[in-house]
């Protein structure tokens, strides 16, 4: 929970194995196989597929999610109803990315700039760029990274999820002119777009 490791096909027809998936599987096995683990919850406990949404801690006190992130074999992948320890996980991810560890040495996992995002649709991605302007249309908030909202990269935040930002004391104009890193699924809607549901998806990098 809270991370996304490189994916294996696991019997899914036509699914191509992601780079370094075997290495991530081996790392996970070395951390937990044959060991007793404790499940710790920080939000929703079970998802719609009946999967346990828990942080894993080994009997020697190791935090499994943190170890995979430090090894560069996972990315932070959080959800609005399960945000515990995201800030700590982002710091581990940042360290491994800065040190070019694991997946951060492979072009498949490169952090895109807004201009390149249109070439990588329908996948989970990290994008870094400067927010040029903000807008609110029918209570939906948009963070625009280009002068043409019809074609340029945009972050979209639906009204129901904007409450998570208000509760954190964030106003949409707080992002204007800021250099940020956003993570989420890239889709095409008036240009490349990422739908964001909670503040941890947007990291403010510089003023």
N, C-alpha and C. Protein backbone atom coordinates (compact mmCIF):
# COMPACT_ATOMS: atom_id res chain seq x y z
N UNK A 1 0.84 -1.19 0.00
CA UNK A 1 0.00 0.00 0.00
C UNK A 1 0.88 1.24 0.00
N UNK A 2 0.48 2.23 -0.79
CA UNK A 2 1.18 3.49 -0.82
C UNK A 2 2.34 3.55 -1.79
N UNK A 3 2.65 2.43 -2.43
CA UNK A 3 3.75 2.42 -3.40
C UNK A 3 3.31 1.64 -4.64
N UNK A 4 4.06 1.87 -5.72
CA UNK A 4 3.85 1.10 -6.94
C UNK A 4 5.21 0.57 -7.39
N UNK A 5 5.37 -0.74 -7.35
CA UNK A 5 6.59 -1.38 -7.84
C UNK A 5 6.41 -1.73 -9.31
N UNK A 6 7.49 -1.94 -10.05
CA UNK A 6 7.37 -2.37 -11.44
C UNK A 6 6.51 -3.63 -11.54
N UNK A 7 5.62 -3.66 -12.51
CA UNK A 7 4.60 -4.69 -12.57
C UNK A 7 5.01 -5.89 -13.41
N UNK A 8 4.57 -7.06 -12.95
CA UNK A 8 4.70 -8.32 -13.68
C UNK A 8 3.38 -8.64 -14.38
N UNK A 9 3.40 -9.42 -15.44
CA UNK A 9 2.14 -9.74 -16.14
C UNK A 9 1.13 -10.49 -15.27
N UNK A 10 1.61 -11.43 -14.45
CA UNK A 10 0.74 -12.20 -13.56
C UNK A 10 -0.46 -12.80 -14.31
N UNK A 11 -0.17 -13.34 -15.49
CA UNK A 11 -1.20 -14.02 -16.26
C UNK A 11 -2.11 -13.14 -17.09
N UNK A 12 -1.89 -11.82 -17.06
CA UNK A 12 -2.74 -10.92 -17.83
C UNK A 12 -2.33 -10.95 -19.31
N UNK A 13 -3.24 -11.34 -20.20
CA UNK A 13 -2.91 -11.44 -21.63
C UNK A 13 -2.46 -10.09 -22.19
N UNK A 14 -1.38 -10.11 -22.93
CA UNK A 14 -0.91 -8.90 -23.59
C UNK A 14 -0.23 -7.89 -22.71
N UNK A 15 -0.10 -8.19 -21.43
CA UNK A 15 0.54 -7.24 -20.51
C UNK A 15 2.05 -7.43 -20.57
N UNK A 16 2.77 -6.36 -20.89
CA UNK A 16 4.22 -6.43 -20.98
C UNK A 16 4.85 -6.14 -19.62
N UNK A 17 5.78 -6.98 -19.24
CA UNK A 17 6.46 -6.80 -17.96
C UNK A 17 7.21 -5.47 -17.94
N UNK A 18 7.05 -4.72 -16.84
CA UNK A 18 7.75 -3.45 -16.73
C UNK A 18 9.23 -3.69 -16.44
N UNK A 19 10.09 -2.79 -16.87
CA UNK A 19 11.53 -2.93 -16.57
C UNK A 19 11.78 -3.00 -15.06
N UNK A 20 12.67 -3.88 -14.67
CA UNK A 20 13.10 -4.12 -13.30
C UNK A 20 12.02 -4.76 -12.42
N UNK A 21 10.99 -5.34 -13.05
CA UNK A 21 9.95 -6.02 -12.27
C UNK A 21 10.50 -7.24 -11.54
N UNK A 22 11.37 -8.00 -12.19
CA UNK A 22 11.94 -9.18 -11.54
C UNK A 22 12.80 -8.78 -10.35
N UNK A 23 13.56 -7.70 -10.51
CA UNK A 23 14.40 -7.23 -9.41
C UNK A 23 13.55 -6.78 -8.22
N UNK A 24 12.43 -6.12 -8.50
CA UNK A 24 11.56 -5.67 -7.42
C UNK A 24 10.93 -6.85 -6.70
N UNK A 25 10.54 -7.86 -7.45
CA UNK A 25 9.96 -9.07 -6.85
C UNK A 25 10.99 -9.75 -5.94
N UNK A 26 12.21 -9.87 -6.42
CA UNK A 26 13.26 -10.49 -5.61
C UNK A 26 13.54 -9.70 -4.34
N UNK A 27 13.52 -8.38 -4.45
CA UNK A 27 13.76 -7.53 -3.28
C UNK A 27 12.66 -7.71 -2.25
N UNK A 28 11.41 -7.77 -2.72
CA UNK A 28 10.29 -7.97 -1.80
C UNK A 28 10.39 -9.33 -1.12
N UNK A 29 10.73 -10.35 -1.89
CA UNK A 29 10.86 -11.68 -1.30
C UNK A 29 11.95 -11.71 -0.22
N UNK A 30 13.05 -11.02 -0.47
CA UNK A 30 14.13 -11.01 0.51
C UNK A 30 13.73 -10.31 1.80
N UNK A 31 12.76 -9.38 1.69
CA UNK A 31 12.32 -8.63 2.86
C UNK A 31 11.30 -9.39 3.71
N UNK A 32 10.42 -10.18 3.07
CA UNK A 32 9.29 -10.73 3.82
C UNK A 32 9.14 -12.24 3.75
N UNK A 33 9.76 -12.91 2.78
CA UNK A 33 9.52 -14.34 2.61
C UNK A 33 9.99 -15.12 3.84
N UNK A 34 9.08 -15.90 4.42
CA UNK A 34 9.39 -16.71 5.58
C UNK A 34 9.46 -15.94 6.88
N UNK A 35 9.07 -14.66 6.86
CA UNK A 35 9.14 -13.81 8.05
C UNK A 35 7.75 -13.43 8.55
N UNK A 36 7.68 -13.09 9.80
CA UNK A 36 6.43 -12.58 10.37
C UNK A 36 6.36 -11.08 10.13
N UNK A 37 5.23 -10.62 9.59
CA UNK A 37 5.06 -9.19 9.35
C UNK A 37 3.84 -8.68 10.10
N UNK A 38 3.89 -7.41 10.47
CA UNK A 38 2.78 -6.74 11.12
C UNK A 38 2.14 -5.78 10.15
N UNK A 39 0.81 -5.79 10.10
CA UNK A 39 0.07 -4.88 9.23
C UNK A 39 -0.36 -3.66 10.02
N UNK A 40 -0.04 -2.47 9.48
CA UNK A 40 -0.44 -1.22 10.13
C UNK A 40 -1.27 -0.41 9.15
N UNK A 41 -2.40 0.09 9.63
CA UNK A 41 -3.34 0.79 8.76
C UNK A 41 -3.35 2.28 9.07
N UNK A 42 -3.55 3.08 8.03
CA UNK A 42 -3.61 4.52 8.21
C UNK A 42 -4.71 5.15 7.39
N UNK A 43 -5.79 4.43 7.20
CA UNK A 43 -6.90 4.91 6.38
C UNK A 43 -7.79 3.74 6.02
N UNK A 44 -8.30 3.75 4.80
CA UNK A 44 -9.13 2.65 4.32
C UNK A 44 -8.36 1.33 4.43
N UNK A 45 -9.01 0.29 4.99
CA UNK A 45 -8.31 -0.96 5.25
C UNK A 45 -8.37 -1.95 4.10
N UNK A 46 -9.46 -1.93 3.33
CA UNK A 46 -9.65 -2.91 2.25
C UNK A 46 -10.17 -2.16 1.03
N UNK A 47 -9.63 -2.49 -0.16
CA UNK A 47 -10.12 -1.83 -1.37
C UNK A 47 -11.24 -2.65 -2.01
N UNK A 48 -11.69 -2.20 -3.17
CA UNK A 48 -12.85 -2.85 -3.81
C UNK A 48 -12.52 -4.25 -4.32
N UNK A 49 -11.22 -4.58 -4.41
CA UNK A 49 -10.81 -5.92 -4.81
C UNK A 49 -10.52 -6.81 -3.60
N UNK A 50 -10.90 -6.33 -2.41
CA UNK A 50 -10.71 -7.05 -1.15
C UNK A 50 -9.22 -7.23 -0.80
N UNK A 51 -8.39 -6.29 -1.26
CA UNK A 51 -6.97 -6.31 -0.91
C UNK A 51 -6.73 -5.49 0.35
N UNK A 52 -5.88 -6.01 1.22
CA UNK A 52 -5.54 -5.30 2.45
C UNK A 52 -4.66 -4.10 2.11
N UNK A 53 -5.04 -2.93 2.63
CA UNK A 53 -4.29 -1.69 2.38
C UNK A 53 -3.50 -1.36 3.65
N UNK A 54 -2.32 -1.91 3.73
CA UNK A 54 -1.56 -1.80 4.97
C UNK A 54 -0.09 -1.53 4.70
N UNK A 55 0.56 -0.87 5.65
CA UNK A 55 2.01 -0.79 5.67
C UNK A 55 2.52 -2.04 6.36
N UNK A 56 3.62 -2.59 5.85
CA UNK A 56 4.16 -3.84 6.39
C UNK A 56 5.43 -3.56 7.18
N UNK A 57 5.47 -4.13 8.38
CA UNK A 57 6.64 -4.01 9.24
C UNK A 57 7.11 -5.41 9.64
N UNK A 58 8.39 -5.68 9.45
CA UNK A 58 8.94 -6.99 9.78
C UNK A 58 9.25 -7.08 11.26
N UNK A 59 9.51 -8.29 11.73
CA UNK A 59 9.71 -8.51 13.16
C UNK A 59 10.95 -7.80 13.69
N UNK A 60 11.89 -7.45 12.80
CA UNK A 60 13.08 -6.73 13.26
C UNK A 60 12.89 -5.21 13.15
N UNK A 61 11.66 -4.77 12.89
CA UNK A 61 11.36 -3.35 12.86
C UNK A 61 11.48 -2.71 11.49
N UNK A 62 11.78 -3.48 10.47
CA UNK A 62 11.92 -2.92 9.12
C UNK A 62 10.58 -2.54 8.53
N UNK A 63 10.58 -1.44 7.80
CA UNK A 63 9.38 -0.95 7.11
C UNK A 63 9.53 -1.30 5.65
N UNK A 64 8.70 -2.23 5.17
CA UNK A 64 8.88 -2.81 3.83
C UNK A 64 8.75 -1.75 2.74
N UNK A 65 7.72 -0.91 2.82
CA UNK A 65 7.55 0.12 1.79
C UNK A 65 8.78 1.03 1.71
N UNK A 66 9.30 1.41 2.87
CA UNK A 66 10.47 2.30 2.89
C UNK A 66 11.67 1.62 2.27
N UNK A 67 11.86 0.34 2.54
CA UNK A 67 13.03 -0.37 2.00
C UNK A 67 12.98 -0.46 0.48
N UNK A 68 11.79 -0.70 -0.06
CA UNK A 68 11.67 -0.76 -1.52
C UNK A 68 11.91 0.60 -2.15
N UNK A 69 11.41 1.65 -1.51
CA UNK A 69 11.64 2.99 -2.03
C UNK A 69 13.12 3.37 -1.96
N UNK A 70 13.77 3.04 -0.85
CA UNK A 70 15.19 3.37 -0.70
C UNK A 70 16.04 2.62 -1.71
N UNK A 71 15.58 1.43 -2.09
CA UNK A 71 16.31 0.63 -3.08
C UNK A 71 16.01 1.07 -4.51
N UNK A 72 15.11 2.04 -4.66
CA UNK A 72 14.74 2.48 -5.99
C UNK A 72 13.95 1.46 -6.76
N UNK A 73 13.17 0.64 -6.05
CA UNK A 73 12.39 -0.41 -6.71
C UNK A 73 10.88 -0.20 -6.53
N UNK A 74 10.50 1.05 -6.28
CA UNK A 74 9.09 1.42 -6.18
C UNK A 74 8.98 2.93 -6.24
N UNK A 75 7.77 3.39 -6.58
CA UNK A 75 7.44 4.81 -6.54
C UNK A 75 6.28 5.01 -5.58
N UNK A 76 6.18 6.19 -5.00
CA UNK A 76 5.04 6.51 -4.14
C UNK A 76 3.79 6.61 -5.00
N UNK A 77 2.73 5.94 -4.51
CA UNK A 77 1.47 5.91 -5.25
C UNK A 77 0.35 5.93 -4.21
N UNK A 78 -0.10 7.12 -3.87
CA UNK A 78 -1.04 7.28 -2.75
C UNK A 78 -2.45 7.56 -3.25
N UNK A 79 -3.41 7.43 -2.32
CA UNK A 79 -4.82 7.63 -2.62
C UNK A 79 -5.44 8.55 -1.58
N UNK A 80 -6.54 9.23 -1.91
CA UNK A 80 -7.09 10.23 -0.99
C UNK A 80 -7.61 9.66 0.32
N UNK A 81 -8.00 8.39 0.31
CA UNK A 81 -8.56 7.80 1.53
C UNK A 81 -7.53 6.96 2.29
N UNK A 82 -6.25 7.10 1.91
CA UNK A 82 -5.21 6.33 2.60
C UNK A 82 -3.87 7.06 2.42
N UNK A 83 -3.66 8.09 3.22
CA UNK A 83 -2.53 9.00 3.02
C UNK A 83 -1.48 8.93 4.13
N UNK A 84 -1.60 7.97 5.02
CA UNK A 84 -0.67 7.89 6.13
C UNK A 84 0.75 7.65 5.63
N UNK A 85 1.70 8.38 6.19
CA UNK A 85 3.14 8.21 5.95
C UNK A 85 3.58 8.57 4.54
N UNK A 86 2.71 9.26 3.77
CA UNK A 86 3.10 9.62 2.41
C UNK A 86 4.29 10.57 2.41
N UNK A 87 4.30 11.54 3.31
CA UNK A 87 5.41 12.50 3.35
C UNK A 87 6.74 11.80 3.57
N UNK A 88 6.75 10.83 4.48
CA UNK A 88 7.98 10.08 4.74
C UNK A 88 8.40 9.26 3.52
N UNK A 89 7.42 8.65 2.86
CA UNK A 89 7.74 7.84 1.68
C UNK A 89 8.28 8.70 0.54
N UNK A 90 7.75 9.90 0.39
CA UNK A 90 8.25 10.79 -0.65
C UNK A 90 9.72 11.14 -0.42
N UNK A 91 10.12 11.28 0.84
CA UNK A 91 11.52 11.58 1.12
C UNK A 91 12.42 10.40 0.74
N UNK A 92 11.97 9.18 1.00
CA UNK A 92 12.76 8.01 0.60
C UNK A 92 12.87 7.93 -0.92
N UNK A 93 11.76 8.19 -1.60
CA UNK A 93 11.78 8.16 -3.07
C UNK A 93 12.73 9.22 -3.61
N UNK A 94 12.67 10.43 -3.04
CA UNK A 94 13.53 11.52 -3.50
C UNK A 94 15.00 11.15 -3.36
N UNK A 95 15.34 10.49 -2.26
CA UNK A 95 16.74 10.10 -2.03
C UNK A 95 17.21 9.11 -3.09
N UNK A 96 16.42 8.09 -3.37
CA UNK A 96 16.84 7.10 -4.36
C UNK A 96 16.85 7.69 -5.77
N UNK A 97 15.95 8.62 -6.04
CA UNK A 97 15.95 9.27 -7.36
C UNK A 97 17.18 10.15 -7.52
N UNK A 98 17.54 10.89 -6.47
CA UNK A 98 18.73 11.74 -6.52
C UNK A 98 20.00 10.93 -6.68
N UNK A 99 20.00 9.73 -6.07
CA UNK A 99 21.18 8.85 -6.15
C UNK A 99 21.17 7.95 -7.37
N UNK A 100 20.13 8.10 -8.23
CA UNK A 100 20.01 7.29 -9.44
C UNK A 100 20.10 5.80 -9.11
N UNK A 101 19.20 5.37 -8.22
CA UNK A 101 19.16 3.99 -7.76
C UNK A 101 17.99 3.25 -8.38
N UNK A 102 18.21 2.01 -8.77
CA UNK A 102 17.11 1.15 -9.24
C UNK A 102 16.42 1.70 -10.47
N UNK A 103 15.09 1.88 -10.37
CA UNK A 103 14.30 2.30 -11.52
C UNK A 103 14.71 3.67 -12.05
N UNK A 104 15.34 4.47 -11.22
CA UNK A 104 15.68 5.83 -11.63
C UNK A 104 16.86 5.87 -12.59
N UNK A 105 17.42 4.71 -12.90
CA UNK A 105 18.46 4.64 -13.94
C UNK A 105 17.86 4.25 -15.29
N UNK A 106 16.56 3.94 -15.31
CA UNK A 106 15.94 3.40 -16.53
C UNK A 106 15.04 4.46 -17.17
N UNK A 107 15.11 4.64 -18.48
CA UNK A 107 14.30 5.67 -19.16
C UNK A 107 12.79 5.47 -19.03
N UNK A 108 12.34 4.26 -18.76
CA UNK A 108 10.91 4.03 -18.62
C UNK A 108 10.32 4.83 -17.46
N UNK A 109 11.13 5.09 -16.44
CA UNK A 109 10.64 5.74 -15.23
C UNK A 109 11.11 7.19 -15.13
N UNK A 110 11.59 7.77 -16.22
CA UNK A 110 12.09 9.14 -16.19
C UNK A 110 10.97 10.10 -15.77
N UNK A 111 11.35 11.17 -15.09
CA UNK A 111 10.39 12.23 -14.75
C UNK A 111 10.24 13.12 -15.98
N UNK A 112 9.01 13.25 -16.50
CA UNK A 112 8.78 13.97 -17.73
C UNK A 112 8.63 15.47 -17.49
N UNK A 113 8.94 16.27 -18.51
CA UNK A 113 8.54 17.67 -18.46
C UNK A 113 7.18 17.78 -19.14
N UNK A 114 6.45 18.88 -18.93
CA UNK A 114 5.09 18.98 -19.48
C UNK A 114 5.03 18.78 -20.99
N UNK A 115 6.04 19.25 -21.71
CA UNK A 115 6.02 19.14 -23.17
C UNK A 115 6.09 17.69 -23.63
N UNK A 116 6.80 16.85 -22.88
CA UNK A 116 6.95 15.45 -23.26
C UNK A 116 5.78 14.58 -22.81
N UNK A 117 4.95 15.09 -21.93
CA UNK A 117 3.90 14.25 -21.33
C UNK A 117 2.92 13.69 -22.35
N UNK A 118 2.68 14.41 -23.44
CA UNK A 118 1.71 13.95 -24.45
C UNK A 118 2.16 12.66 -25.13
N UNK A 119 3.45 12.35 -25.04
CA UNK A 119 3.97 11.13 -25.67
C UNK A 119 3.89 9.92 -24.75
N UNK A 120 3.34 10.09 -23.56
CA UNK A 120 3.37 9.00 -22.57
C UNK A 120 2.01 8.85 -21.89
N UNK A 121 0.95 8.89 -22.66
CA UNK A 121 -0.41 8.81 -22.11
C UNK A 121 -0.74 7.40 -21.66
N UNK A 122 -1.79 7.34 -20.81
CA UNK A 122 -2.33 6.08 -20.30
C UNK A 122 -1.30 5.30 -19.49
N UNK A 123 -0.58 6.01 -18.63
CA UNK A 123 0.35 5.36 -17.73
C UNK A 123 0.57 6.25 -16.52
N UNK A 124 1.02 5.64 -15.44
CA UNK A 124 1.37 6.39 -14.24
C UNK A 124 2.69 7.09 -14.48
N UNK A 125 2.78 8.36 -14.14
CA UNK A 125 3.99 9.11 -14.44
C UNK A 125 4.21 10.23 -13.43
N UNK A 126 5.45 10.70 -13.39
CA UNK A 126 5.81 11.90 -12.65
C UNK A 126 6.15 12.98 -13.66
N UNK A 127 5.62 14.18 -13.45
CA UNK A 127 5.84 15.29 -14.37
C UNK A 127 6.29 16.50 -13.55
N UNK A 128 7.34 17.18 -14.01
CA UNK A 128 7.83 18.38 -13.34
C UNK A 128 7.73 19.57 -14.28
N UNK A 129 7.24 20.69 -13.75
CA UNK A 129 7.18 21.91 -14.55
C UNK A 129 6.65 23.05 -13.70
N UNK A 130 6.55 24.22 -14.34
CA UNK A 130 6.08 25.40 -13.63
C UNK A 130 4.62 25.68 -13.98
N UNK A 131 3.81 25.93 -12.96
CA UNK A 131 2.41 26.26 -13.15
C UNK A 131 2.32 27.69 -13.67
N UNK A 132 1.82 27.82 -14.90
CA UNK A 132 1.74 29.14 -15.52
C UNK A 132 0.55 29.93 -15.00
N UNK A 133 -0.57 29.25 -14.80
CA UNK A 133 -1.78 29.94 -14.37
C UNK A 133 -2.74 28.93 -13.74
N UNK A 134 -3.73 29.44 -13.03
CA UNK A 134 -4.76 28.59 -12.45
C UNK A 134 -6.12 29.09 -12.88
N UNK A 135 -7.10 28.17 -12.87
CA UNK A 135 -8.46 28.55 -13.26
C UNK A 135 -9.44 27.66 -12.51
N UNK A 136 -10.66 28.16 -12.37
CA UNK A 136 -11.73 27.37 -11.78
C UNK A 136 -12.93 27.42 -12.70
N UNK A 137 -13.37 26.26 -13.15
CA UNK A 137 -14.49 26.16 -14.08
C UNK A 137 -15.50 25.17 -13.51
N UNK A 138 -16.70 25.65 -13.21
CA UNK A 138 -17.74 24.81 -12.59
C UNK A 138 -17.19 24.13 -11.34
N UNK A 139 -16.47 24.88 -10.55
CA UNK A 139 -15.91 24.47 -9.26
C UNK A 139 -14.74 23.50 -9.40
N UNK A 140 -14.41 23.07 -10.61
CA UNK A 140 -13.22 22.24 -10.82
C UNK A 140 -12.02 23.16 -10.97
N UNK A 141 -10.93 22.81 -10.30
CA UNK A 141 -9.71 23.62 -10.33
C UNK A 141 -8.75 23.06 -11.37
N UNK A 142 -8.16 23.95 -12.16
CA UNK A 142 -7.17 23.57 -13.16
C UNK A 142 -5.87 24.31 -12.90
N UNK A 143 -4.77 23.59 -12.97
CA UNK A 143 -3.44 24.19 -12.93
C UNK A 143 -2.85 24.02 -14.32
N UNK A 144 -2.62 25.12 -15.00
CA UNK A 144 -2.20 25.09 -16.40
C UNK A 144 -0.70 25.32 -16.52
N UNK A 145 -0.06 24.51 -17.36
CA UNK A 145 1.38 24.58 -17.54
C UNK A 145 1.76 25.21 -18.88
N UNK A 146 0.78 25.64 -19.66
CA UNK A 146 1.04 26.26 -20.95
C UNK A 146 0.01 27.33 -21.23
N UNK A 147 0.18 28.02 -22.33
CA UNK A 147 -0.72 29.12 -22.66
C UNK A 147 -2.02 28.66 -23.30
N UNK A 148 -2.06 27.43 -23.80
CA UNK A 148 -3.26 26.91 -24.47
C UNK A 148 -3.78 25.71 -23.70
N UNK A 149 -4.85 25.90 -22.93
CA UNK A 149 -5.39 24.82 -22.10
C UNK A 149 -5.98 23.69 -22.95
N UNK A 150 -6.20 23.95 -24.22
CA UNK A 150 -6.77 22.91 -25.09
C UNK A 150 -5.74 21.87 -25.51
N UNK A 151 -4.46 22.23 -25.43
CA UNK A 151 -3.42 21.32 -25.91
C UNK A 151 -2.29 21.08 -24.90
N UNK A 152 -2.08 22.01 -23.98
CA UNK A 152 -0.95 21.90 -23.06
C UNK A 152 -1.29 21.06 -21.83
N UNK A 153 -0.24 20.64 -21.15
CA UNK A 153 -0.41 19.80 -19.95
C UNK A 153 -1.16 20.57 -18.86
N UNK A 154 -2.07 19.86 -18.18
CA UNK A 154 -2.90 20.46 -17.14
C UNK A 154 -3.09 19.48 -15.99
N UNK A 155 -3.16 20.02 -14.79
CA UNK A 155 -3.60 19.26 -13.61
C UNK A 155 -5.06 19.64 -13.34
N UNK A 156 -5.89 18.63 -13.10
CA UNK A 156 -7.31 18.85 -12.83
C UNK A 156 -7.66 18.32 -11.45
N UNK A 157 -8.43 19.11 -10.69
CA UNK A 157 -8.86 18.69 -9.35
C UNK A 157 -10.36 18.89 -9.26
N UNK A 158 -11.08 17.78 -9.13
CA UNK A 158 -12.54 17.83 -9.08
C UNK A 158 -13.03 18.48 -7.79
N UNK A 159 -14.24 19.07 -7.82
CA UNK A 159 -14.76 19.77 -6.63
C UNK A 159 -14.76 18.92 -5.37
N UNK A 160 -15.14 17.66 -5.50
CA UNK A 160 -15.19 16.80 -4.32
C UNK A 160 -13.84 16.56 -3.67
N UNK A 161 -12.78 16.62 -4.47
CA UNK A 161 -11.44 16.39 -3.94
C UNK A 161 -10.74 17.68 -3.53
N UNK A 162 -11.26 18.83 -4.00
CA UNK A 162 -10.63 20.10 -3.62
C UNK A 162 -10.73 20.33 -2.11
N UNK A 163 -11.69 19.69 -1.46
CA UNK A 163 -11.82 19.78 0.00
C UNK A 163 -10.54 19.33 0.69
N UNK A 164 -9.87 18.31 0.14
CA UNK A 164 -8.62 17.85 0.75
C UNK A 164 -7.56 18.94 0.75
N UNK A 165 -7.60 19.80 -0.26
CA UNK A 165 -6.65 20.90 -0.36
C UNK A 165 -7.05 22.03 0.60
N UNK A 166 -8.34 22.33 0.65
CA UNK A 166 -8.81 23.37 1.58
C UNK A 166 -8.50 22.98 3.01
N UNK A 167 -8.71 21.70 3.33
CA UNK A 167 -8.43 21.25 4.70
C UNK A 167 -6.95 21.38 5.05
N UNK A 168 -6.09 21.34 4.02
CA UNK A 168 -4.65 21.50 4.24
C UNK A 168 -4.23 22.97 4.17
N UNK A 169 -5.21 23.86 4.03
CA UNK A 169 -4.91 25.28 3.99
C UNK A 169 -4.35 25.75 2.66
N UNK A 170 -4.64 25.02 1.58
CA UNK A 170 -4.08 25.34 0.27
C UNK A 170 -5.14 26.04 -0.59
N UNK A 171 -4.74 27.15 -1.21
CA UNK A 171 -5.57 27.85 -2.19
C UNK A 171 -4.98 27.60 -3.56
N UNK A 172 -5.82 27.57 -4.59
CA UNK A 172 -5.33 27.26 -5.93
C UNK A 172 -4.23 28.22 -6.37
N UNK A 173 -4.34 29.49 -5.99
CA UNK A 173 -3.33 30.47 -6.39
C UNK A 173 -1.98 30.22 -5.72
N UNK A 174 -1.96 29.39 -4.68
CA UNK A 174 -0.69 29.05 -4.03
C UNK A 174 0.26 28.34 -5.00
N UNK A 175 -0.30 27.71 -6.05
CA UNK A 175 0.52 26.98 -7.01
C UNK A 175 0.97 27.84 -8.18
N UNK A 176 0.36 28.99 -8.35
CA UNK A 176 0.65 29.82 -9.52
C UNK A 176 2.10 30.28 -9.51
N UNK A 177 2.80 30.00 -10.62
CA UNK A 177 4.19 30.39 -10.75
C UNK A 177 5.17 29.47 -10.05
N UNK A 178 4.67 28.42 -9.42
CA UNK A 178 5.55 27.52 -8.67
C UNK A 178 6.01 26.35 -9.54
N UNK A 179 7.23 25.90 -9.28
CA UNK A 179 7.76 24.71 -9.94
C UNK A 179 7.33 23.51 -9.12
N UNK A 180 6.60 22.58 -9.71
CA UNK A 180 6.02 21.47 -8.96
C UNK A 180 6.33 20.14 -9.65
N UNK A 181 6.18 19.08 -8.87
CA UNK A 181 6.23 17.71 -9.40
C UNK A 181 4.88 17.07 -9.07
N UNK A 182 4.19 16.59 -10.09
CA UNK A 182 2.90 15.93 -9.89
C UNK A 182 3.02 14.48 -10.31
N UNK A 183 2.28 13.61 -9.65
CA UNK A 183 2.28 12.19 -9.98
C UNK A 183 0.84 11.72 -10.14
N UNK A 184 0.62 10.87 -11.14
CA UNK A 184 -0.71 10.32 -11.37
C UNK A 184 -0.77 9.70 -12.75
N UNK A 185 -1.98 9.32 -13.15
CA UNK A 185 -2.18 8.68 -14.45
C UNK A 185 -2.38 9.74 -15.51
N UNK A 186 -1.55 9.70 -16.52
CA UNK A 186 -1.63 10.63 -17.63
C UNK A 186 -2.72 10.19 -18.60
N UNK A 187 -3.62 11.10 -18.91
CA UNK A 187 -4.67 10.81 -19.87
C UNK A 187 -4.78 11.98 -20.85
N UNK A 188 -5.57 11.81 -21.87
CA UNK A 188 -5.78 12.86 -22.85
C UNK A 188 -7.16 13.48 -22.64
N UNK A 189 -7.17 14.76 -22.29
CA UNK A 189 -8.41 15.51 -22.17
C UNK A 189 -8.07 16.98 -22.36
N UNK A 190 -8.31 17.52 -23.54
CA UNK A 190 -7.81 18.84 -23.90
C UNK A 190 -6.30 18.90 -23.68
N UNK A 191 -5.61 17.96 -24.28
CA UNK A 191 -4.18 17.83 -24.06
C UNK A 191 -3.90 16.86 -22.93
N UNK A 192 -2.64 16.60 -22.63
CA UNK A 192 -2.31 15.68 -21.54
C UNK A 192 -2.77 16.23 -20.20
N UNK A 193 -3.31 15.36 -19.36
CA UNK A 193 -3.88 15.80 -18.08
C UNK A 193 -3.67 14.74 -17.01
N UNK A 194 -3.49 15.19 -15.78
CA UNK A 194 -3.48 14.31 -14.62
C UNK A 194 -4.57 14.77 -13.66
N UNK A 195 -5.47 13.87 -13.29
CA UNK A 195 -6.47 14.16 -12.27
C UNK A 195 -5.83 13.93 -10.90
N UNK A 196 -5.92 14.93 -10.05
CA UNK A 196 -5.31 14.88 -8.72
C UNK A 196 -6.42 14.86 -7.68
N UNK A 197 -6.22 14.08 -6.62
CA UNK A 197 -7.26 13.94 -5.60
C UNK A 197 -6.83 14.39 -4.20
N UNK A 198 -5.52 14.59 -3.98
CA UNK A 198 -5.06 14.98 -2.65
C UNK A 198 -3.73 15.71 -2.76
N UNK A 199 -3.41 16.57 -1.79
CA UNK A 199 -2.24 17.45 -1.90
C UNK A 199 -0.91 16.74 -2.07
N UNK A 200 -0.78 15.54 -1.52
CA UNK A 200 0.51 14.84 -1.60
C UNK A 200 0.90 14.48 -3.02
N UNK A 201 -0.05 14.52 -3.93
CA UNK A 201 0.28 14.24 -5.33
C UNK A 201 1.06 15.38 -5.99
N UNK A 202 1.03 16.56 -5.39
CA UNK A 202 1.71 17.72 -5.95
C UNK A 202 2.78 18.17 -4.96
N UNK A 203 4.03 18.03 -5.36
CA UNK A 203 5.15 18.50 -4.53
C UNK A 203 5.62 19.84 -5.06
N UNK A 204 5.64 20.84 -4.20
CA UNK A 204 6.16 22.15 -4.57
C UNK A 204 7.68 22.10 -4.41
N UNK A 205 8.41 22.31 -5.52
CA UNK A 205 9.85 22.12 -5.52
C UNK A 205 10.61 23.41 -5.25
N UNK A 206 10.17 24.52 -5.86
CA UNK A 206 10.84 25.80 -5.66
C UNK A 206 9.80 26.91 -5.63
N UNK A 207 10.14 28.04 -5.07
CA UNK A 207 9.20 29.19 -5.06
C UNK A 207 8.88 29.64 -6.48
